[in-house]
């Protein structure tokens, strides 16, 4: 092709047709420029296509992780609600009228600790690698970027409650609750006396001023869980919905 053009140029120059040569030369330059522009356009199109493909993969991965984390969050938050209700039951019920099993269950719920521990491998990888910039929806990008702050706020409240229970309720029960090894671990059938002694021990513990003080503080520590929790969940649902919309658009 280039040899063909050279032959035309040489022929025009040899025959002295200068004006025709200039016109031809300009036309050739224009053709070359058009070819370059087309090549750049194709290259840009291919690059954009690959970026869109990578963006779609990023959003699909994020959607899966956020969806899994939403399913992990709900039972943990339900536990906190149950603990709140349990404390109210302990403080407002006539404990002597409750069965041993009920007292044991109430004490177990109050003393247990559960925290929301989401999967964040994909999220952290996307943030740390800068792939968050692949997301073209600015609203979605901002929501994802700010999610960690909401998560940290919520987890601070869970951690605060857990640490207080571990540092205060556990030591108190170790010192003041007479626990039967046999009943605790069900080695063999408990005697009526063992059950009666444990019930009285639990009632004595739960009716003490210190236990009530501890419940006041545990209940107080949990207050912000029920403020931050719904905010966090609502944001997870919102991010999932926007991701689903964007994925559908890109498919």
C-alpha atoms as a PDB file:
ATOM      1  CA  UNK A   1       0.000   0.000   0.000  1.00  0.00           C
ATOM      2  CA  UNK A   2       2.751   2.470   0.967  1.00  0.00           C
ATOM      3  CA  UNK A   3       4.726   1.497  -2.155  1.00  0.00           C
ATOM      4  CA  UNK A   4       1.638   2.300  -4.228  1.00  0.00           C
ATOM      5  CA  UNK A   5       1.439   5.798  -2.741  1.00  0.00           C
ATOM      6  CA  UNK A   6       5.172   6.373  -3.281  1.00  0.00           C
ATOM      7  CA  UNK A   7       4.849   5.495  -6.956  1.00  0.00           C
ATOM      8  CA  UNK A   8       2.015   8.022  -7.396  1.00  0.00           C
ATOM      9  CA  UNK A   9       4.040  10.762  -5.670  1.00  0.00           C
ATOM     10  CA  UNK A  10       7.117  10.013  -7.782  1.00  0.00           C
ATOM     11  CA  UNK A  11       5.070  10.082 -10.999  1.00  0.00           C
ATOM     12  CA  UNK A  12       3.511  13.457 -10.132  1.00  0.00           C
ATOM     13  CA  UNK A  13       6.861  15.014  -9.261  1.00  0.00           C
ATOM     14  CA  UNK A  14       8.545  13.691 -12.406  1.00  0.00           C
ATOM     15  CA  UNK A  15       5.797  15.051 -14.660  1.00  0.00           C
ATOM     16  CA  UNK A  16       6.005  18.477 -12.959  1.00  0.00           C
ATOM     17  CA  UNK A  17       2.401  18.495 -11.830  1.00  0.00           C
ATOM     18  CA  UNK A  18       3.194  20.378  -8.615  1.00  0.00           C
ATOM     19  CA  UNK A  19      -0.329  21.534  -7.763  1.00  0.00           C
ATOM     20  CA  UNK A  20      -1.710  18.058  -8.206  1.00  0.00           C
ATOM     21  CA  UNK A  21       1.141  16.729  -6.084  1.00  0.00           C
ATOM     22  CA  UNK A  22       0.354  19.141  -3.259  1.00  0.00           C
ATOM     23  CA  UNK A  23      -3.299  18.207  -3.363  1.00  0.00           C
ATOM     24  CA  UNK A  24      -2.378  14.578  -3.318  1.00  0.00           C
ATOM     25  CA  UNK A  25       0.084  15.061  -0.465  1.00  0.00           C
ATOM     26  CA  UNK A  26      -2.562  16.846   1.602  1.00  0.00           C
ATOM     27  CA  UNK A  27      -5.045  14.090   0.834  1.00  0.00           C
ATOM     28  CA  UNK A  28      -2.534  11.473   1.862  1.00  0.00           C
ATOM     29  CA  UNK A  29      -1.885  13.266   5.171  1.00  0.00           C
ATOM     30  CA  UNK A  30      -5.611  13.464   5.787  1.00  0.00           C
ATOM     31  CA  UNK A  31      -5.982   9.749   5.099  1.00  0.00           C
ATOM     32  CA  UNK A  32      -3.116   8.939   7.468  1.00  0.00           C
ATOM     33  CA  UNK A  33      -4.646  11.151  10.168  1.00  0.00           C
ATOM     34  CA  UNK A  34      -8.033   9.510   9.696  1.00  0.00           C
ATOM     35  CA  UNK A  35      -6.379   6.119   9.996  1.00  0.00           C
ATOM     36  CA  UNK A  36      -4.621   7.166  13.210  1.00  0.00           C
ATOM     37  CA  UNK A  37      -7.837   8.586  14.649  1.00  0.00           C
ATOM     38  CA  UNK A  38      -9.727   5.419  13.804  1.00  0.00           C
ATOM     39  CA  UNK A  39      -7.015   3.316  15.414  1.00  0.00           C
ATOM     40  CA  UNK A  40      -7.138   5.489  18.539  1.00  0.00           C
ATOM     41  CA  UNK A  41     -10.923   5.271  18.582  1.00  0.00           C
ATOM     42  CA  UNK A  42     -10.822   1.486  18.363  1.00  0.00           C
ATOM     43  CA  UNK A  43      -8.168   1.357  21.079  1.00  0.00           C
ATOM     44  CA  UNK A  44     -10.231   3.673  23.311  1.00  0.00           C
ATOM     45  CA  UNK A  45     -13.334   1.599  22.687  1.00  0.00           C
ATOM     46  CA  UNK A  46     -11.480  -1.606  23.604  1.00  0.00           C
ATOM     47  CA  UNK A  47     -10.043   0.031  26.734  1.00  0.00           C
ATOM     48  CA  UNK A  48     -13.455   1.308  27.833  1.00  0.00           C
ATOM     49  CA  UNK A  49     -14.989  -2.092  27.201  1.00  0.00           C
ATOM     50  CA  UNK A  50     -12.374  -3.737  29.420  1.00  0.00           C
ATOM     51  CA  UNK A  51     -12.883  -1.105  32.129  1.00  0.00           C
ATOM     52  CA  UNK A  52     -16.651  -1.641  32.030  1.00  0.00           C
ATOM     53  CA  UNK A  53     -16.092  -5.376  32.287  1.00  0.00           C
ATOM     54  CA  UNK A  54     -13.812  -4.914  35.284  1.00  0.00           C
ATOM     55  CA  UNK A  55     -16.295  -2.477  36.854  1.00  0.00           C
ATOM     56  CA  UNK A  56     -19.038  -5.082  36.501  1.00  0.00           C
ATOM     57  CA  UNK A  57     -16.863  -7.730  38.160  1.00  0.00           C
ATOM     58  CA  UNK A  58     -16.082  -5.351  41.026  1.00  0.00           C
ATOM     59  CA  UNK A  59     -19.754  -4.585  41.581  1.00  0.00           C
ATOM     60  CA  UNK A  60     -20.756  -8.257  41.451  1.00  0.00           C
ATOM     61  CA  UNK A  61     -18.101  -9.134  44.030  1.00  0.00           C
ATOM     62  CA  UNK A  62     -19.181  -6.287  46.300  1.00  0.00           C
ATOM     63  CA  UNK A  63     -22.822  -7.261  45.958  1.00  0.00           C
ATOM     64  CA  UNK A  64     -22.114 -10.827  47.031  1.00  0.00           C
ATOM     65  CA  UNK A  65     -20.076  -9.707  50.044  1.00  0.00           C
ATOM     66  CA  UNK A  66     -22.601  -7.086  51.190  1.00  0.00           C
ATOM     67  CA  UNK A  67     -25.456  -9.571  50.784  1.00  0.00           C
ATOM     68  CA  UNK A  68     -23.628 -12.175  52.877  1.00  0.00           C
ATOM     69  CA  UNK A  69     -22.841  -9.574  55.524  1.00  0.00           C
ATOM     70  CA  UNK A  70     -26.460  -8.492  55.728  1.00  0.00           C
ATOM     71  CA  UNK A  71     -27.367 -12.097  56.490  1.00  0.00           C
ATOM     72  CA  UNK A  72     -24.649 -12.177  59.165  1.00  0.00           C
ATOM     73  CA  UNK A  73     -25.820  -8.923  60.713  1.00  0.00           C
ATOM     74  CA  UNK A  74     -29.478  -9.822  61.287  1.00  0.00           C
ATOM     75  CA  UNK A  75     -29.004 -12.688  63.806  1.00  0.00           C
ATOM     76  CA  UNK A  76     -26.409 -10.670  65.754  1.00  0.00           C
ATOM     77  CA  UNK A  77     -28.719  -7.674  65.994  1.00  0.00           C
ATOM     78  CA  UNK A  78     -31.567 -10.001  66.966  1.00  0.00           C
ATOM     79  CA  UNK A  79     -29.400 -11.264  69.833  1.00  0.00           C
ATOM     80  CA  UNK A  80     -28.931  -7.700  71.107  1.00  0.00           C
ATOM     81  CA  UNK A  81     -32.684  -7.140  71.005  1.00  0.00           C
ATOM     82  CA  UNK A  82     -33.185 -10.396  72.887  1.00  0.00           C
ATOM     83  CA  UNK A  83     -30.623  -9.403  75.525  1.00  0.00           C
ATOM     84  CA  UNK A  84     -32.393  -6.064  75.963  1.00  0.00           C
ATOM     85  CA  UNK A  85     -35.731  -7.841  76.463  1.00  0.00           C
ATOM     86  CA  UNK A  86     -34.079 -10.336  78.830  1.00  0.00           C
ATOM     87  CA  UNK A  87     -32.716  -7.581  81.061  1.00  0.00           C
ATOM     88  CA  UNK A  88     -36.172  -6.025  81.196  1.00  0.00           C
ATOM     89  CA  UNK A  89     -37.637  -9.404  82.175  1.00  0.00           C
ATOM     90  CA  UNK A  90     -35.051  -9.881  84.921  1.00  0.00           C
ATOM     91  CA  UNK A  91     -35.660  -6.449  86.355  1.00  0.00           C
ATOM     92  CA  UNK A  92     -39.470  -6.541  86.191  1.00  0.00           C
ATOM     93  CA  UNK A  93     -40.382 -10.168  86.924  1.00  0.00           C
ATOM     94  CA  UNK A  94     -40.920 -11.940  90.215  1.00  0.00           C
ATOM     95  CA  UNK A  95     -37.920 -14.255  90.015  1.00  0.00           C
ATOM     96  CA  UNK A  96     -39.191 -16.743  92.619  1.00  0.00           C
ATOM     97  CA  UNK A  97     -42.049 -17.631  90.276  1.00  0.00           C
ATOM     98  CA  UNK A  98     -39.729 -18.550  87.404  1.00  0.00           C
ATOM     99  CA  UNK A  99     -38.458 -22.073  86.792  1.00  0.00           C
ATOM    100  CA  UNK A 100     -34.810 -23.009  87.110  1.00  0.00           C
ATOM    101  CA  UNK A 101     -34.549 -23.452  83.338  1.00  0.00           C
ATOM    102  CA  UNK A 102     -35.984 -19.973  82.794  1.00  0.00           C
ATOM    103  CA  UNK A 103     -33.545 -18.421  85.258  1.00  0.00           C
ATOM    104  CA  UNK A 104     -30.613 -20.242  83.692  1.00  0.00           C
ATOM    105  CA  UNK A 105     -31.652 -19.127  80.219  1.00  0.00           C
ATOM    106  CA  UNK A 106     -32.091 -15.499  81.297  1.00  0.00           C
ATOM    107  CA  UNK A 107     -28.686 -15.513  82.937  1.00  0.00           C
ATOM    108  CA  UNK A 108     -27.092 -17.116  79.885  1.00  0.00           C
ATOM    109  CA  UNK A 109     -28.542 -14.543  77.469  1.00  0.00           C
ATOM    110  CA  UNK A 110     -27.441 -11.624  79.645  1.00  0.00           C
ATOM    111  CA  UNK A 111     -23.900 -12.991  79.895  1.00  0.00           C
ATOM    112  CA  UNK A 112     -23.366 -14.061  76.293  1.00  0.00           C
ATOM    113  CA  UNK A 113     -21.579 -11.797  73.836  1.00  0.00           C
ATOM    114  CA  UNK A 114     -22.048 -11.664  70.079  1.00  0.00           C
ATOM    115  CA  UNK A 115     -20.548  -9.139  67.701  1.00  0.00           C
ATOM    116  CA  UNK A 116     -21.013  -8.416  64.021  1.00  0.00           C
ATOM    117  CA  UNK A 117     -17.888  -9.553  62.185  1.00  0.00           C
ATOM    118  CA  UNK A 118     -18.472  -8.966  58.475  1.00  0.00           C
ATOM    119  CA  UNK A 119     -16.471 -10.376  55.592  1.00  0.00           C
ATOM    120  CA  UNK A 120     -14.383  -7.505  54.247  1.00  0.00           C
ATOM    121  CA  UNK A 121     -11.752  -9.133  52.058  1.00  0.00           C
ATOM    122  CA  UNK A 122     -13.284  -7.892  48.812  1.00  0.00           C
ATOM    123  CA  UNK A 123     -14.227  -4.498  50.254  1.00  0.00           C
ATOM    124  CA  UNK A 124     -10.722  -3.856  51.615  1.00  0.00           C
ATOM    125  CA  UNK A 125      -9.073  -5.069  48.419  1.00  0.00           C
ATOM    126  CA  UNK A 126     -11.170  -2.734  46.269  1.00  0.00           C
ATOM    127  CA  UNK A 127     -10.566   0.249  48.555  1.00  0.00           C
ATOM    128  CA  UNK A 128      -6.834  -0.356  49.038  1.00  0.00           C
ATOM    129  CA  UNK A 129      -6.125  -1.099  45.375  1.00  0.00           C
ATOM    130  CA  UNK A 130      -7.970   1.998  44.167  1.00  0.00           C
ATOM    131  CA  UNK A 131     -10.417  -0.097  42.148  1.00  0.00           C
ATOM    132  CA  UNK A 132     -13.206   1.869  43.787  1.00  0.00           C
ATOM    133  CA  UNK A 133     -12.498   4.431  41.046  1.00  0.00           C
ATOM    134  CA  UNK A 134     -13.736   1.934  38.452  1.00  0.00           C
ATOM    135  CA  UNK A 135     -17.277   2.501  39.720  1.00  0.00           C
ATOM    136  CA  UNK A 136     -18.811   5.150  37.502  1.00  0.00           C
ATOM    137  CA  UNK A 137     -21.848   5.825  39.691  1.00  0.00           C
ATOM    138  CA  UNK A 138     -20.589   8.588  41.997  1.00  0.00           C
ATOM    139  CA  UNK A 139     -23.401   8.107  44.513  1.00  0.00           C
ATOM    140  CA  UNK A 140     -22.578   4.426  44.853  1.00  0.00           C
ATOM    141  CA  UNK A 141     -18.869   5.175  45.097  1.00  0.00           C
ATOM    142  CA  UNK A 142     -19.435   7.616  47.969  1.00  0.00           C
ATOM    143  CA  UNK A 143     -21.756   5.216  49.801  1.00  0.00           C
ATOM    144  CA  UNK A 144     -19.188   2.415  49.597  1.00  0.00           C
ATOM    145  CA  UNK A 145     -16.350   4.715  50.690  1.00  0.00           C
ATOM    146  CA  UNK A 146     -18.273   5.928  53.751  1.00  0.00           C
ATOM    147  CA  UNK A 147     -19.557   2.498  54.785  1.00  0.00           C
ATOM    148  CA  UNK A 148     -16.500   1.698  56.909  1.00  0.00           C
ATOM    149  CA  UNK A 149     -17.192   4.702  59.152  1.00  0.00           C
ATOM    150  CA  UNK A 150     -20.746   3.493  59.816  1.00  0.00           C
ATOM    151  CA  UNK A 151     -19.468  -0.005  60.525  1.00  0.00           C
ATOM    152  CA  UNK A 152     -16.843   1.293  62.954  1.00  0.00           C
ATOM    153  CA  UNK A 153     -19.431   3.384  64.818  1.00  0.00           C
ATOM    154  CA  UNK A 154     -21.669   0.353  65.269  1.00  0.00           C
ATOM    155  CA  UNK A 155     -18.874  -2.023  66.280  1.00  0.00           C
ATOM    156  CA  UNK A 156     -17.637   0.449  68.889  1.00  0.00           C
ATOM    157  CA  UNK A 157     -20.962   0.121  70.689  1.00  0.00           C
ATOM    158  CA  UNK A 158     -20.886  -3.688  70.526  1.00  0.00           C
ATOM    159  CA  UNK A 159     -17.311  -3.783  71.781  1.00  0.00           C
ATOM    160  CA  UNK A 160     -18.067  -1.377  74.614  1.00  0.00           C
ATOM    161  CA  UNK A 161     -20.908  -3.608  75.825  1.00  0.00           C
ATOM    162  CA  UNK A 162     -18.883  -6.799  75.458  1.00  0.00           C
ATOM    163  CA  UNK A 163     -15.895  -5.421  77.378  1.00  0.00           C
ATOM    164  CA  UNK A 164     -18.098  -4.167  80.206  1.00  0.00           C
ATOM    165  CA  UNK A 165     -19.796  -7.570  80.560  1.00  0.00           C
ATOM    166  CA  UNK A 166     -16.482  -9.417  80.496  1.00  0.00           C
ATOM    167  CA  UNK A 167     -14.815  -7.100  83.000  1.00  0.00           C
ATOM    168  CA  UNK A 168     -17.713  -6.745  85.436  1.00  0.00           C
ATOM    169  CA  UNK A 169     -20.514  -9.297  85.117  1.00  0.00           C
ATOM    170  CA  UNK A 170     -18.303 -12.369  84.666  1.00  0.00           C
ATOM    171  CA  UNK A 171     -16.109 -11.700  87.751  1.00  0.00           C
ATOM    172  CA  UNK A 172     -19.186 -10.962  89.870  1.00  0.00           C
ATOM    173  CA  UNK A 173     -20.880 -14.230  88.937  1.00  0.00           C
ATOM    174  CA  UNK A 174     -17.649 -16.170  89.490  1.00  0.00           C
ATOM    175  CA  UNK A 175     -17.440 -14.814  93.022  1.00  0.00           C
ATOM    176  CA  UNK A 176     -21.105 -14.852  94.041  1.00  0.00           C
ATOM    177  CA  UNK A 177     -22.867 -17.610  92.081  1.00  0.00           C
ATOM    178  CA  UNK A 178     -22.681 -21.131  93.472  1.00  0.00           C
ATOM    179  CA  UNK A 179     -22.658 -23.208  90.300  1.00  0.00           C
ATOM    180  CA  UNK A 180     -23.077 -26.989  90.169  1.00  0.00           C
ATOM    181  CA  UNK A 181     -20.552 -28.620  87.829  1.00  0.00           C
ATOM    182  CA  UNK A 182     -22.950 -31.487  87.286  1.00  0.00           C
ATOM    183  CA  UNK A 183     -25.818 -29.187  86.267  1.00  0.00           C
ATOM    184  CA  UNK A 184     -23.583 -26.946  84.160  1.00  0.00           C
ATOM    185  CA  UNK A 185     -22.173 -29.789  82.072  1.00  0.00           C
ATOM    186  CA  UNK A 186     -24.934 -32.392  82.496  1.00  0.00           C
ATOM    187  CA  UNK A 187     -22.616 -35.187  83.513  1.00  0.00           C
ATOM    188  CA  UNK A 188     -25.500 -37.074  85.071  1.00  0.00           C
ATOM    189  CA  UNK A 189     -29.074 -36.455  86.124  1.00  0.00           C
ATOM    190  CA  UNK A 190     -29.176 -33.588  88.629  1.00  0.00           C
ATOM    191  CA  UNK A 191     -30.705 -34.179  92.024  1.00  0.00           C
ATOM    192  CA  UNK A 192     -33.628 -32.149  93.289  1.00  0.00           C
ATOM    193  CA  UNK A 193     -31.357 -30.677  95.929  1.00  0.00           C
ATOM    194  CA  UNK A 194     -28.778 -29.556  93.359  1.00  0.00           C
ATOM    195  CA  UNK A 195     -31.497 -27.871  91.333  1.00  0.00           C
ATOM    196  CA  UNK A 196     -33.009 -26.193  94.367  1.00  0.00           C
ATOM    197  CA  UNK A 197     -29.608 -24.889  95.514  1.00  0.00           C
ATOM    198  CA  UNK A 198     -28.791 -23.502  92.072  1.00  0.00           C
ATOM    199  CA  UNK A 199     -32.179 -21.813  91.791  1.00  0.00           C
ATOM    200  CA  UNK A 200     -31.770 -20.125  95.158  1.00  0.00           C
ATOM    201  CA  UNK A 201     -28.247 -19.074  94.232  1.00  0.00           C
ATOM    202  CA  UNK A 202     -29.443 -17.537  90.969  1.00  0.00           C
ATOM    203  CA  UNK A 203     -32.317 -15.725  92.642  1.00  0.00           C
ATOM    204  CA  UNK A 204     -30.016 -14.371  95.349  1.00  0.00           C
ATOM    205  CA  UNK A 205     -27.554 -13.163  92.709  1.00  0.00           C
ATOM    206  CA  UNK A 206     -30.199 -11.540  90.525  1.00  0.00           C
ATOM    207  CA  UNK A 207     -31.960  -9.827  93.413  1.00  0.00           C
ATOM    208  CA  UNK A 208     -28.766  -8.236  94.699  1.00  0.00           C
ATOM    209  CA  UNK A 209     -28.177  -4.509  94.378  1.00  0.00           C
ATOM    210  CA  UNK A 210     -24.915  -5.088  92.519  1.00  0.00           C
ATOM    211  CA  UNK A 211     -26.557  -7.289  89.912  1.00  0.00           C
ATOM    212  CA  UNK A 212     -29.223  -4.662  89.315  1.00  0.00           C
ATOM    213  CA  UNK A 213     -26.518  -2.007  89.016  1.00  0.00           C
ATOM    214  CA  UNK A 214     -24.725  -4.184  86.470  1.00  0.00           C
ATOM    215  CA  UNK A 215     -27.935  -4.584  84.459  1.00  0.00           C
ATOM    216  CA  UNK A 216     -28.421  -0.809  84.505  1.00  0.00           C
ATOM    217  CA  UNK A 217     -24.978  -0.332  83.002  1.00  0.00           C
ATOM    218  CA  UNK A 218     -25.229  -3.173  80.460  1.00  0.00           C
ATOM    219  CA  UNK A 219     -28.596  -1.820  79.343  1.00  0.00           C
ATOM    220  CA  UNK A 220     -27.098   1.651  79.061  1.00  0.00           C
ATOM    221  CA  UNK A 221     -24.095   0.446  77.075  1.00  0.00           C
ATOM    222  CA  UNK A 222     -26.453  -1.223  74.607  1.00  0.00           C
ATOM    223  CA  UNK A 223     -28.527   1.898  73.934  1.00  0.00           C
ATOM    224  CA  UNK A 224     -26.390   3.131  71.041  1.00  0.00           C
ATOM    225  CA  UNK A 225     -26.405  -0.325  69.445  1.00  0.00           C
ATOM    226  CA  UNK A 226     -30.089   0.254  68.723  1.00  0.00           C
ATOM    227  CA  UNK A 227     -29.293   3.677  67.258  1.00  0.00           C
ATOM    228  CA  UNK A 228     -26.327   2.715  65.080  1.00  0.00           C
ATOM    229  CA  UNK A 229     -27.616  -0.749  64.123  1.00  0.00           C
ATOM    230  CA  UNK A 230     -30.650   0.324  62.050  1.00  0.00           C
ATOM    231  CA  UNK A 231     -28.540   3.000  60.324  1.00  0.00           C
ATOM    232  CA  UNK A 232     -25.898   0.426  59.389  1.00  0.00           C
ATOM    233  CA  UNK A 233     -28.454  -2.089  58.163  1.00  0.00           C
ATOM    234  CA  UNK A 234     -30.324   0.505  56.128  1.00  0.00           C
ATOM    235  CA  UNK A 235     -27.091   1.524  54.433  1.00  0.00           C
ATOM    236  CA  UNK A 236     -26.192  -2.088  53.618  1.00  0.00           C
ATOM    237  CA  UNK A 237     -29.629  -2.585  52.039  1.00  0.00           C
ATOM    238  CA  UNK A 238     -29.262   0.673  50.099  1.00  0.00           C
ATOM    239  CA  UNK A 239     -25.828  -0.290  48.752  1.00  0.00           C
ATOM    240  CA  UNK A 240     -27.107  -3.730  47.754  1.00  0.00           C
ATOM    241  CA  UNK A 241     -30.066  -2.185  45.908  1.00  0.00           C
ATOM    242  CA  UNK A 242     -27.910   0.334  44.029  1.00  0.00           C
ATOM    243  CA  UNK A 243     -25.407  -2.391  43.118  1.00  0.00           C
ATOM    244  CA  UNK A 244     -28.211  -4.574  41.768  1.00  0.00           C
ATOM    245  CA  UNK A 245     -29.490  -1.681  39.667  1.00  0.00           C
ATOM    246  CA  UNK A 246     -26.031  -0.914  38.271  1.00  0.00           C
ATOM    247  CA  UNK A 247     -25.286  -4.571  37.552  1.00  0.00           C
ATOM    248  CA  UNK A 248     -28.544  -4.898  35.651  1.00  0.00           C
ATOM    249  CA  UNK A 249     -27.702  -1.779  33.636  1.00  0.00           C
ATOM    250  CA  UNK A 250     -24.220  -3.051  32.763  1.00  0.00           C
ATOM    251  CA  UNK A 251     -25.322  -6.542  31.755  1.00  0.00           C
END
